[in-house]
Amino acid sequence: MRDGRKITVVTGGSRGIGAAVCRRLAQEGHDLVIGYRSDRAAADAVADAVADAGRNCLAVAVDTSDPAAVDGLFDAAAGLGPVTGLVNNAGVSGPNGRLADADPDGMRDALAVNVLGYLLCARRAVREMTAAGGGAIVNVSSAAATLGSPGQYVHYAAAKAAVDALTIGLSKEVAADGIRVNCVAPGTVWTDFHEDPQRPARVAAGIPMGRAGRPEEISGAVAWLLSDDASYTTGAVLRVAGGL
């Protein structure tokens, strides 16, 4: 932070909201480390967009639920310089449907990514940022954390409620170290996250604004929380959900 460079790790950065975040942050002067799970071609396409914006970029395969893999991600990031930002975004929905019918292994895997993965990445990021003299973390939660997602994925909503709690607790824990921790809670957004690709259109009538969101609308909120304009903002859960 002392030399003004912004080096930000974005997990789940190869598609959807994560890809939009990487493109937006590159425009705002961040060098990027893109964490992705398996689609190297998609990660490379985002990395090319970052490079076209004149920023440095690395794409690193990572399972965020694996502590050793998370360490590998941040060790690779050190090649660009001290990490000053983290966007905790990697996530999976897990089983869709009623909780009574949900597969336990699927729920366990989803919780490992959606909760443990965020905790592991935040833990390593705090260590890096403390050494660098400060930084900012943005966790990507969901409006599901308060809506509950009945009949769809209650376990996912519970995981996102945990992300909100992580944001509030960690923000207080590390404020004196110059580290801000905030959260963006999107509503339904047009990405390939949905089991039903047309779900955003199908639920639009129930959204006060009458439509689903675009990834770029979420990335703007993330970028603001990482910016100096948000220098007095920590522990916030910013809902970007069209009125839900």
C-alpha atoms as a PDB file:
ATOM      1  CA  MET A   1       0.000   0.000   0.000  1.00  0.00           C
ATOM      2  CA  ARG A   2       2.857   2.393   0.721  1.00  0.00           C
ATOM      3  CA  ASP A   3       3.944   2.693  -2.937  1.00  0.00           C
ATOM      4  CA  GLY A   4       0.370   3.062  -4.196  1.00  0.00           C
ATOM      5  CA  ARG A   5       0.283  -0.202  -6.158  1.00  0.00           C
ATOM      6  CA  LYS A   6      -2.918  -2.221  -6.070  1.00  0.00           C
ATOM      7  CA  ILE A   7      -2.488  -5.980  -6.375  1.00  0.00           C
ATOM      8  CA  THR A   8      -5.769  -7.811  -5.957  1.00  0.00           C
ATOM      9  CA  VAL A   9      -6.611 -11.507  -5.808  1.00  0.00           C
ATOM     10  CA  VAL A  10     -10.029 -12.424  -7.232  1.00  0.00           C
ATOM     11  CA  THR A  11     -11.240 -15.969  -6.625  1.00  0.00           C
ATOM     12  CA  GLY A  12     -13.725 -17.405  -9.087  1.00  0.00           C
ATOM     13  CA  GLY A  13     -12.427 -14.801 -11.509  1.00  0.00           C
ATOM     14  CA  SER A  14     -12.848 -16.684 -14.770  1.00  0.00           C
ATOM     15  CA  ARG A  15     -16.594 -16.222 -15.256  1.00  0.00           C
ATOM     16  CA  GLY A  16     -19.713 -14.336 -14.246  1.00  0.00           C
ATOM     17  CA  ILE A  17     -19.398 -11.748 -11.515  1.00  0.00           C
ATOM     18  CA  GLY A  18     -15.740 -12.597 -10.901  1.00  0.00           C
ATOM     19  CA  ALA A  19     -14.782 -11.976 -14.528  1.00  0.00           C
ATOM     20  CA  ALA A  20     -16.652  -8.655 -14.534  1.00  0.00           C
ATOM     21  CA  VAL A  21     -14.858  -7.680 -11.326  1.00  0.00           C
ATOM     22  CA  CYS A  22     -11.459  -8.424 -12.885  1.00  0.00           C
ATOM     23  CA  ARG A  23     -12.228  -6.311 -15.945  1.00  0.00           C
ATOM     24  CA  ARG A  24     -13.494  -3.403 -13.844  1.00  0.00           C
ATOM     25  CA  LEU A  25     -10.560  -3.472 -11.433  1.00  0.00           C
ATOM     26  CA  ALA A  26      -8.091  -3.536 -14.318  1.00  0.00           C
ATOM     27  CA  GLN A  27      -9.693  -0.338 -15.634  1.00  0.00           C
ATOM     28  CA  GLU A  28      -9.215   1.196 -12.189  1.00  0.00           C
ATOM     29  CA  GLY A  29      -5.518   0.418 -11.997  1.00  0.00           C
ATOM     30  CA  HIS A  30      -5.344  -2.930 -10.209  1.00  0.00           C
ATOM     31  CA  ASP A  31      -2.926  -5.689 -11.135  1.00  0.00           C
ATOM     32  CA  LEU A  32      -4.874  -8.942 -10.879  1.00  0.00           C
ATOM     33  CA  VAL A  33      -4.409 -12.525  -9.749  1.00  0.00           C
ATOM     34  CA  ILE A  34      -7.277 -14.591 -11.123  1.00  0.00           C
ATOM     35  CA  GLY A  35      -8.109 -17.699  -9.136  1.00  0.00           C
ATOM     36  CA  TYR A  36     -10.055 -20.254 -11.145  1.00  0.00           C
ATOM     37  CA  ARG A  37     -11.101 -23.851 -10.533  1.00  0.00           C
ATOM     38  CA  SER A  38     -10.827 -25.688 -13.864  1.00  0.00           C
ATOM     39  CA  ASP A  39     -11.581 -23.606 -16.988  1.00  0.00           C
ATOM     40  CA  ARG A  40      -8.137 -22.389 -18.038  1.00  0.00           C
ATOM     41  CA  ALA A  41      -9.408 -21.030 -21.363  1.00  0.00           C
ATOM     42  CA  ALA A  42     -11.964 -18.804 -19.636  1.00  0.00           C
ATOM     43  CA  ALA A  43      -9.355 -17.581 -17.141  1.00  0.00           C
ATOM     44  CA  ASP A  44      -6.938 -16.805 -19.972  1.00  0.00           C
ATOM     45  CA  ALA A  45      -9.636 -14.800 -21.761  1.00  0.00           C
ATOM     46  CA  VAL A  46     -10.141 -12.647 -18.671  1.00  0.00           C
ATOM     47  CA  ALA A  47      -6.371 -12.321 -18.258  1.00  0.00           C
ATOM     48  CA  ASP A  48      -6.136 -11.087 -21.855  1.00  0.00           C
ATOM     49  CA  ALA A  49      -8.755  -8.416 -21.088  1.00  0.00           C
ATOM     50  CA  VAL A  50      -6.755  -7.323 -18.051  1.00  0.00           C
ATOM     51  CA  ALA A  51      -3.588  -7.132 -20.138  1.00  0.00           C
ATOM     52  CA  ASP A  52      -5.432  -5.107 -22.796  1.00  0.00           C
ATOM     53  CA  ALA A  53      -6.220  -2.599 -20.052  1.00  0.00           C
ATOM     54  CA  GLY A  54      -2.500  -2.262 -19.431  1.00  0.00           C
ATOM     55  CA  ARG A  55      -2.342  -4.176 -16.144  1.00  0.00           C
ATOM     56  CA  ASN A  56      -0.312  -7.181 -15.009  1.00  0.00           C
ATOM     57  CA  CYS A  57      -2.163 -10.429 -14.455  1.00  0.00           C
ATOM     58  CA  LEU A  58      -1.682 -14.035 -13.354  1.00  0.00           C
ATOM     59  CA  ALA A  59      -4.194 -16.874 -13.666  1.00  0.00           C
ATOM     60  CA  VAL A  60      -3.812 -19.567 -11.005  1.00  0.00           C
ATOM     61  CA  ALA A  61      -5.790 -22.807 -10.678  1.00  0.00           C
ATOM     62  CA  VAL A  62      -7.013 -23.190  -7.106  1.00  0.00           C
ATOM     63  CA  ASP A  63      -9.422 -25.173  -4.966  1.00  0.00           C
ATOM     64  CA  THR A  64     -10.219 -22.566  -2.329  1.00  0.00           C
ATOM     65  CA  SER A  65     -11.398 -25.209   0.134  1.00  0.00           C
ATOM     66  CA  ASP A  66      -7.844 -26.645   0.226  1.00  0.00           C
ATOM     67  CA  PRO A  67      -5.474 -24.748   2.569  1.00  0.00           C
ATOM     68  CA  ALA A  68      -2.393 -25.765   0.599  1.00  0.00           C
ATOM     69  CA  ALA A  69      -3.959 -24.610  -2.663  1.00  0.00           C
ATOM     70  CA  VAL A  70      -4.895 -21.260  -1.124  1.00  0.00           C
ATOM     71  CA  ASP A  71      -1.312 -20.818   0.037  1.00  0.00           C
ATOM     72  CA  GLY A  72      -0.193 -21.637  -3.503  1.00  0.00           C
ATOM     73  CA  LEU A  73      -2.504 -18.949  -4.887  1.00  0.00           C
ATOM     74  CA  PHE A  74      -1.095 -16.258  -2.607  1.00  0.00           C
ATOM     75  CA  ASP A  75       2.477 -17.459  -3.069  1.00  0.00           C
ATOM     76  CA  ALA A  76       1.998 -17.029  -6.824  1.00  0.00           C
ATOM     77  CA  ALA A  77       0.504 -13.584  -6.248  1.00  0.00           C
ATOM     78  CA  ALA A  78       3.680 -12.554  -4.434  1.00  0.00           C
ATOM     79  CA  GLY A  79       5.357 -12.627  -7.845  1.00  0.00           C
ATOM     80  CA  LEU A  80       3.515  -9.411  -8.676  1.00  0.00           C
ATOM     81  CA  GLY A  81       4.208  -7.795  -5.311  1.00  0.00           C
ATOM     82  CA  PRO A  82       2.497  -7.391  -1.923  1.00  0.00           C
ATOM     83  CA  VAL A  83      -1.206  -8.295  -2.068  1.00  0.00           C
ATOM     84  CA  THR A  84      -3.377  -5.311  -1.130  1.00  0.00           C
ATOM     85  CA  GLY A  85      -6.829  -6.608  -2.102  1.00  0.00           C
ATOM     86  CA  LEU A  86      -8.916  -9.761  -2.039  1.00  0.00           C
ATOM     87  CA  VAL A  87     -12.279 -10.399  -3.645  1.00  0.00           C
ATOM     88  CA  ASN A  88     -13.678 -13.584  -2.119  1.00  0.00           C
ATOM     89  CA  ASN A  89     -16.006 -14.678  -4.912  1.00  0.00           C
ATOM     90  CA  ALA A  90     -15.532 -18.387  -5.718  1.00  0.00           C
ATOM     91  CA  GLY A  91     -18.740 -20.254  -4.993  1.00  0.00           C
ATOM     92  CA  VAL A  92     -21.014 -23.118  -5.958  1.00  0.00           C
ATOM     93  CA  SER A  93     -24.732 -23.560  -5.439  1.00  0.00           C
ATOM     94  CA  GLY A  94     -24.729 -27.215  -4.419  1.00  0.00           C
ATOM     95  CA  PRO A  95     -27.929 -29.250  -4.696  1.00  0.00           C
ATOM     96  CA  ASN A  96     -31.038 -27.456  -5.923  1.00  0.00           C
ATOM     97  CA  GLY A  97     -34.423 -28.253  -4.413  1.00  0.00           C
ATOM     98  CA  ARG A  98     -35.936 -28.786  -0.988  1.00  0.00           C
ATOM     99  CA  LEU A  99     -33.565 -29.318   1.909  1.00  0.00           C
ATOM    100  CA  ALA A 100     -35.303 -32.599   2.791  1.00  0.00           C
ATOM    101  CA  ASP A 101     -34.176 -33.989  -0.573  1.00  0.00           C
ATOM    102  CA  ALA A 102     -30.655 -32.538  -0.650  1.00  0.00           C
ATOM    103  CA  ASP A 103     -27.638 -34.799  -1.053  1.00  0.00           C
ATOM    104  CA  PRO A 104     -25.383 -34.488   2.044  1.00  0.00           C
ATOM    105  CA  ASP A 105     -22.164 -34.808   0.053  1.00  0.00           C
ATOM    106  CA  GLY A 106     -23.269 -32.048  -2.295  1.00  0.00           C
ATOM    107  CA  MET A 107     -24.106 -29.796   0.631  1.00  0.00           C
ATOM    108  CA  ARG A 108     -20.766 -30.567   2.275  1.00  0.00           C
ATOM    109  CA  ASP A 109     -18.847 -29.695  -0.885  1.00  0.00           C
ATOM    110  CA  ALA A 110     -20.799 -26.446  -1.297  1.00  0.00           C
ATOM    111  CA  LEU A 111     -20.176 -25.397   2.287  1.00  0.00           C
ATOM    112  CA  ALA A 112     -16.472 -26.186   1.910  1.00  0.00           C
ATOM    113  CA  VAL A 113     -16.182 -23.723  -0.969  1.00  0.00           C
ATOM    114  CA  ASN A 114     -18.720 -21.115   0.138  1.00  0.00           C
ATOM    115  CA  VAL A 115     -17.658 -20.859   3.785  1.00  0.00           C
ATOM    116  CA  LEU A 116     -14.331 -22.574   4.469  1.00  0.00           C
ATOM    117  CA  GLY A 117     -12.900 -21.256   1.201  1.00  0.00           C
ATOM    118  CA  TYR A 118     -13.737 -17.673   2.170  1.00  0.00           C
ATOM    119  CA  LEU A 119     -12.238 -18.171   5.614  1.00  0.00           C
ATOM    120  CA  LEU A 120      -9.013 -19.652   4.274  1.00  0.00           C
ATOM    121  CA  CYS A 121      -8.537 -16.917   1.676  1.00  0.00           C
ATOM    122  CA  ALA A 122      -9.327 -14.173   4.192  1.00  0.00           C
ATOM    123  CA  ARG A 123      -6.904 -15.705   6.699  1.00  0.00           C
ATOM    124  CA  ARG A 124      -4.019 -15.649   4.234  1.00  0.00           C
ATOM    125  CA  ALA A 125      -4.981 -12.216   2.894  1.00  0.00           C
ATOM    126  CA  VAL A 126      -4.955 -10.705   6.376  1.00  0.00           C
ATOM    127  CA  ARG A 127      -1.442 -12.009   6.920  1.00  0.00           C
ATOM    128  CA  GLU A 128      -0.268 -10.520   3.628  1.00  0.00           C
ATOM    129  CA  MET A 129      -1.992  -7.180   4.138  1.00  0.00           C
ATOM    130  CA  THR A 130      -0.769  -6.764   7.683  1.00  0.00           C
ATOM    131  CA  ALA A 131       2.789  -7.120   6.412  1.00  0.00           C
ATOM    132  CA  ALA A 132       2.063  -4.715   3.528  1.00  0.00           C
ATOM    133  CA  GLY A 133       0.661  -2.033   5.824  1.00  0.00           C
ATOM    134  CA  GLY A 134      -3.026  -2.440   5.019  1.00  0.00           C
ATOM    135  CA  GLY A 135      -5.503  -3.494   2.391  1.00  0.00           C
ATOM    136  CA  ALA A 136      -9.114  -4.314   1.665  1.00  0.00           C
ATOM    137  CA  ILE A 137     -11.205  -7.463   1.412  1.00  0.00           C
ATOM    138  CA  VAL A 138     -14.558  -7.693  -0.326  1.00  0.00           C
ATOM    139  CA  ASN A 139     -16.627 -10.819   0.225  1.00  0.00           C
ATOM    140  CA  VAL A 140     -19.325 -11.639  -2.320  1.00  0.00           C
ATOM    141  CA  SER A 141     -22.390 -12.795  -0.435  1.00  0.00           C
ATOM    142  CA  SER A 142     -25.979 -12.983  -1.694  1.00  0.00           C
ATOM    143  CA  ALA A 143     -29.413 -11.585  -0.984  1.00  0.00           C
ATOM    144  CA  ALA A 144     -30.199 -15.242  -0.265  1.00  0.00           C
ATOM    145  CA  ALA A 145     -28.556 -14.737   3.135  1.00  0.00           C
ATOM    146  CA  THR A 146     -31.659 -12.906   4.331  1.00  0.00           C
ATOM    147  CA  LEU A 147     -34.276 -14.266   1.890  1.00  0.00           C
ATOM    148  CA  GLY A 148     -33.461 -17.891   2.739  1.00  0.00           C
ATOM    149  CA  SER A 149     -34.005 -19.377  -0.770  1.00  0.00           C
ATOM    150  CA  PRO A 150     -36.797 -21.787   0.295  1.00  0.00           C
ATOM    151  CA  GLY A 151     -37.399 -24.619  -2.125  1.00  0.00           C
ATOM    152  CA  GLN A 152     -34.172 -23.885  -3.966  1.00  0.00           C
ATOM    153  CA  TYR A 153     -31.035 -24.063  -1.806  1.00  0.00           C
ATOM    154  CA  VAL A 154     -31.492 -23.254   1.870  1.00  0.00           C
ATOM    155  CA  HIS A 155     -27.972 -24.562   2.552  1.00  0.00           C
ATOM    156  CA  TYR A 156     -26.542 -21.967   0.132  1.00  0.00           C
ATOM    157  CA  ALA A 157     -28.481 -19.187   1.860  1.00  0.00           C
ATOM    158  CA  ALA A 158     -27.106 -20.394   5.200  1.00  0.00           C
ATOM    159  CA  ALA A 159     -23.573 -20.302   3.787  1.00  0.00           C
ATOM    160  CA  LYS A 160     -24.046 -16.731   2.585  1.00  0.00           C
ATOM    161  CA  ALA A 161     -25.378 -15.723   6.004  1.00  0.00           C
ATOM    162  CA  ALA A 162     -22.074 -17.065   7.350  1.00  0.00           C
ATOM    163  CA  VAL A 163     -20.236 -14.836   4.848  1.00  0.00           C
ATOM    164  CA  ASP A 164     -22.101 -11.801   6.202  1.00  0.00           C
ATOM    165  CA  ALA A 165     -21.097 -12.771   9.752  1.00  0.00           C
ATOM    166  CA  LEU A 166     -17.494 -13.287   8.649  1.00  0.00           C
ATOM    167  CA  THR A 167     -17.487  -9.806   7.137  1.00  0.00           C
ATOM    168  CA  ILE A 168     -18.738  -8.097  10.278  1.00  0.00           C
ATOM    169  CA  GLY A 169     -16.544 -10.008  12.713  1.00  0.00           C
ATOM    170  CA  LEU A 170     -13.332  -9.836  10.709  1.00  0.00           C
ATOM    171  CA  SER A 171     -13.808  -6.139   9.941  1.00  0.00           C
ATOM    172  CA  LYS A 172     -13.679  -5.398  13.678  1.00  0.00           C
ATOM    173  CA  GLU A 173     -10.779  -7.761  14.243  1.00  0.00           C
ATOM    174  CA  VAL A 174      -8.443  -6.187  11.683  1.00  0.00           C
ATOM    175  CA  ALA A 175      -9.523  -2.525  11.545  1.00  0.00           C
ATOM    176  CA  ALA A 176      -6.583  -1.439  13.682  1.00  0.00           C
ATOM    177  CA  ASP A 177      -4.241  -3.162  11.206  1.00  0.00           C
ATOM    178  CA  GLY A 178      -5.407  -0.885   8.398  1.00  0.00           C
ATOM    179  CA  ILE A 179      -7.472  -3.604   6.729  1.00  0.00           C
ATOM    180  CA  ARG A 180     -11.061  -2.966   5.658  1.00  0.00           C
ATOM    181  CA  VAL A 181     -13.492  -5.864   5.206  1.00  0.00           C
ATOM    182  CA  ASN A 182     -16.787  -5.365   3.402  1.00  0.00           C
ATOM    183  CA  CYS A 183     -19.358  -7.396   1.536  1.00  0.00           C
ATOM    184  CA  VAL A 184     -21.508  -7.116  -1.597  1.00  0.00           C
ATOM    185  CA  ALA A 185     -24.773  -9.069  -1.574  1.00  0.00           C
ATOM    186  CA  PRO A 186     -26.098  -9.476  -5.130  1.00  0.00           C
ATOM    187  CA  GLY A 187     -29.609 -10.540  -6.002  1.00  0.00           C
ATOM    188  CA  THR A 188     -30.389 -12.587  -9.114  1.00  0.00           C
ATOM    189  CA  VAL A 189     -27.807 -11.823 -11.801  1.00  0.00           C
ATOM    190  CA  TRP A 190     -27.450 -12.941 -15.415  1.00  0.00           C
ATOM    191  CA  THR A 191     -24.586 -15.453 -15.148  1.00  0.00           C
ATOM    192  CA  ASP A 192     -24.127 -19.172 -15.811  1.00  0.00           C
ATOM    193  CA  PHE A 193     -24.303 -19.844 -12.055  1.00  0.00           C
ATOM    194  CA  HIS A 194     -27.949 -20.898 -12.330  1.00  0.00           C
ATOM    195  CA  GLU A 195     -28.980 -24.507 -12.894  1.00  0.00           C
ATOM    196  CA  ASP A 196     -31.796 -23.106 -15.064  1.00  0.00           C
ATOM    197  CA  PRO A 197     -30.116 -20.643 -17.480  1.00  0.00           C
ATOM    198  CA  GLN A 198     -33.383 -18.722 -17.840  1.00  0.00           C
ATOM    199  CA  ARG A 199     -34.029 -18.341 -14.121  1.00  0.00           C
ATOM    200  CA  PRO A 200     -33.115 -14.614 -14.138  1.00  0.00           C
ATOM    201  CA  ALA A 201     -35.878 -13.962 -16.652  1.00  0.00           C
ATOM    202  CA  ARG A 202     -38.304 -16.263 -14.879  1.00  0.00           C
ATOM    203  CA  VAL A 203     -38.000 -14.491 -11.512  1.00  0.00           C
ATOM    204  CA  ALA A 204     -37.805 -10.937 -12.870  1.00  0.00           C
ATOM    205  CA  ALA A 205     -41.459 -10.195 -12.111  1.00  0.00           C
ATOM    206  CA  GLY A 206     -40.786 -10.724  -8.399  1.00  0.00           C
ATOM    207  CA  ILE A 207     -37.934  -8.209  -8.303  1.00  0.00           C
ATOM    208  CA  PRO A 208     -39.057  -4.646  -7.469  1.00  0.00           C
ATOM    209  CA  MET A 209     -36.970  -3.211 -10.313  1.00  0.00           C
ATOM    210  CA  GLY A 210     -38.534  -5.736 -12.690  1.00  0.00           C
ATOM    211  CA  ARG A 211     -35.325  -7.329 -13.954  1.00  0.00           C
ATOM    212  CA  ALA A 212     -32.285  -9.344 -12.959  1.00  0.00           C
ATOM    213  CA  GLY A 213     -28.935  -7.621 -12.568  1.00  0.00           C
ATOM    214  CA  ARG A 214     -25.885  -7.623 -14.803  1.00  0.00           C
ATOM    215  CA  PRO A 215     -22.428  -8.707 -13.612  1.00  0.00           C
ATOM    216  CA  GLU A 216     -21.096  -5.237 -14.385  1.00  0.00           C
ATOM    217  CA  GLU A 217     -23.541  -3.737 -11.883  1.00  0.00           C
ATOM    218  CA  ILE A 218     -22.071  -5.920  -9.156  1.00  0.00           C
ATOM    219  CA  SER A 219     -18.489  -5.228 -10.175  1.00  0.00           C
ATOM    220  CA  GLY A 220     -19.023  -1.505  -9.726  1.00  0.00           C
ATOM    221  CA  ALA A 221     -19.987  -2.029  -6.095  1.00  0.00           C
ATOM    222  CA  VAL A 222     -16.958  -4.238  -5.496  1.00  0.00           C
ATOM    223  CA  ALA A 223     -14.657  -1.691  -7.110  1.00  0.00           C
ATOM    224  CA  TRP A 224     -16.029   1.092  -4.922  1.00  0.00           C
ATOM    225  CA  LEU A 225     -15.475  -0.888  -1.732  1.00  0.00           C
ATOM    226  CA  LEU A 226     -11.853  -1.488  -2.755  1.00  0.00           C
ATOM    227  CA  SER A 227     -11.301   2.167  -3.638  1.00  0.00           C
ATOM    228  CA  ASP A 228     -10.071   5.085  -1.575  1.00  0.00           C
ATOM    229  CA  ASP A 229     -13.589   6.535  -1.775  1.00  0.00           C
ATOM    230  CA  ALA A 230     -14.586   3.814   0.700  1.00  0.00           C
ATOM    231  CA  SER A 231     -11.717   4.554   3.077  1.00  0.00           C
ATOM    232  CA  TYR A 232     -14.072   4.964   6.065  1.00  0.00           C
ATOM    233  CA  THR A 233     -16.233   1.972   5.190  1.00  0.00           C
ATOM    234  CA  THR A 234     -15.718  -1.362   6.911  1.00  0.00           C
ATOM    235  CA  GLY A 235     -18.085  -4.066   8.123  1.00  0.00           C
ATOM    236  CA  ALA A 236     -20.699  -3.044   5.535  1.00  0.00           C
ATOM    237  CA  VAL A 237     -22.960  -5.476   3.667  1.00  0.00           C
ATOM    238  CA  LEU A 238     -23.913  -3.608   0.501  1.00  0.00           C
ATOM    239  CA  ARG A 239     -27.047  -5.085  -1.055  1.00  0.00           C
ATOM    240  CA  VAL A 240     -27.146  -4.822  -4.855  1.00  0.00           C
ATOM    241  CA  ALA A 241     -30.323  -6.734  -5.561  1.00  0.00           C
ATOM    242  CA  GLY A 242     -32.809  -4.585  -7.451  1.00  0.00           C
ATOM    243  CA  GLY A 243     -34.873  -3.972  -4.343  1.00  0.00           C
ATOM    244  CA  LEU A 244     -35.102  -7.530  -3.040  1.00  0.00           C
END
